[in-house]
Amino acid sequence: MKNIKNIFKFIAFSLLLMGCENDGGDSKLTLEQGAIPNFQKTATSDSFINLVDLSNDQPIKLELNVSTVYGDISSMDIIGFYTQDDKTYRTVLKANQTTFPITLSFTIEDIINSFPILNSKDDFKIGNKLLISADIKLKNGKIYKIYDDNGQPNFGSHVATSVQYSVSQSFLVSCPSFLAGTYSFSTTNIGDGVNFTTETYTGTVTFTDKSGGSYNISDASFGGYTYLYDVAATGLQLQDICNKITFKGVNQYGDSFSMSNLVVNGNKLSFHWETSYDEYGDTVITRTDGTNWPDLTL
């Protein structure tokens, strides 16, 4: 079944970028008419909005390098989306930027002044997210929005997963997180509704820090897919927001993961995982760096 999924993914075709014309935003631009910007956090930028620093009145610097990758771009409006309580608010952070590459810097005060929902530093809550992207005007006069007014992407997976560029950057409201590293795992009770084994699969897993409490996972099935398909489960992220963890994203087959029965016992972290494709397993991850896991919860 997984091979069938791969075939579907291989033959599936979607536009690289879609956008809105300047007739009110209802038309779609073709790929040839579109444009791609590149948003990258600078080396001196904070990678997330640190609640600890906010409470201690420490300055926070959100800084981006913005350049162009593709398209005949005339100007950009730099757009901010702030998500709180499952509602997303949109604003123009900087209008009519015409010179690229350009470095843009925002303070917390800039963000507070840009969104009516934010009145002070106390309004930043765990799990909120600031996303910065652009509305682009081409030299032929056409305009497209990388994200629509509700903060939903107007582009396909080819753009979202590119390693050469990023059409937006996000800053989570979170706490410092220190889960990066390579650890030992053991997984048993692996199944998919048809196949099942009580055999234990062992190995190592690496959590790679992507900033703001997000980590790429080298194998999100922790050996489970080795039994089921002889591959690792890739593409997933582990998100840690002030010690509350969850899986984010989808694997190489488009399946999401969930976690339950989480138990922290010193240097051992145990949990049950399941996928939207009905795969599952029981995993224990052991820290081998001489430290214990923090008090993680779901």
Foldseek 3Di string as FASTA:
>chain_A
DLVVLVVCVVPDDDFFFWFAWPPPTPDTDGNVQDWFKFKDWDPPAAQAAALVCLVVVHKHKTKIWIATDDAQFQFKFKKKWKDDPNAIAIFGLHPTHGDPRDMDMDIPVSVQVTDVQRDGSVSQDFFMKMKIAIWTAHPVGTITDCAPRRRHGRGDPCQVPDPVGHRMGMHGHAHDDDPFDKWKKKKAQWDQVPDTGRDIDIDIWGWDDPHNQKTFIPAPQRCNCCVVPNDGFGDWIWGQGHQEIFIDFHTPSRKGKGWDPWDFDFQKTWIKMAIPSRIIIIMIIGDPPPGGDDNHDD
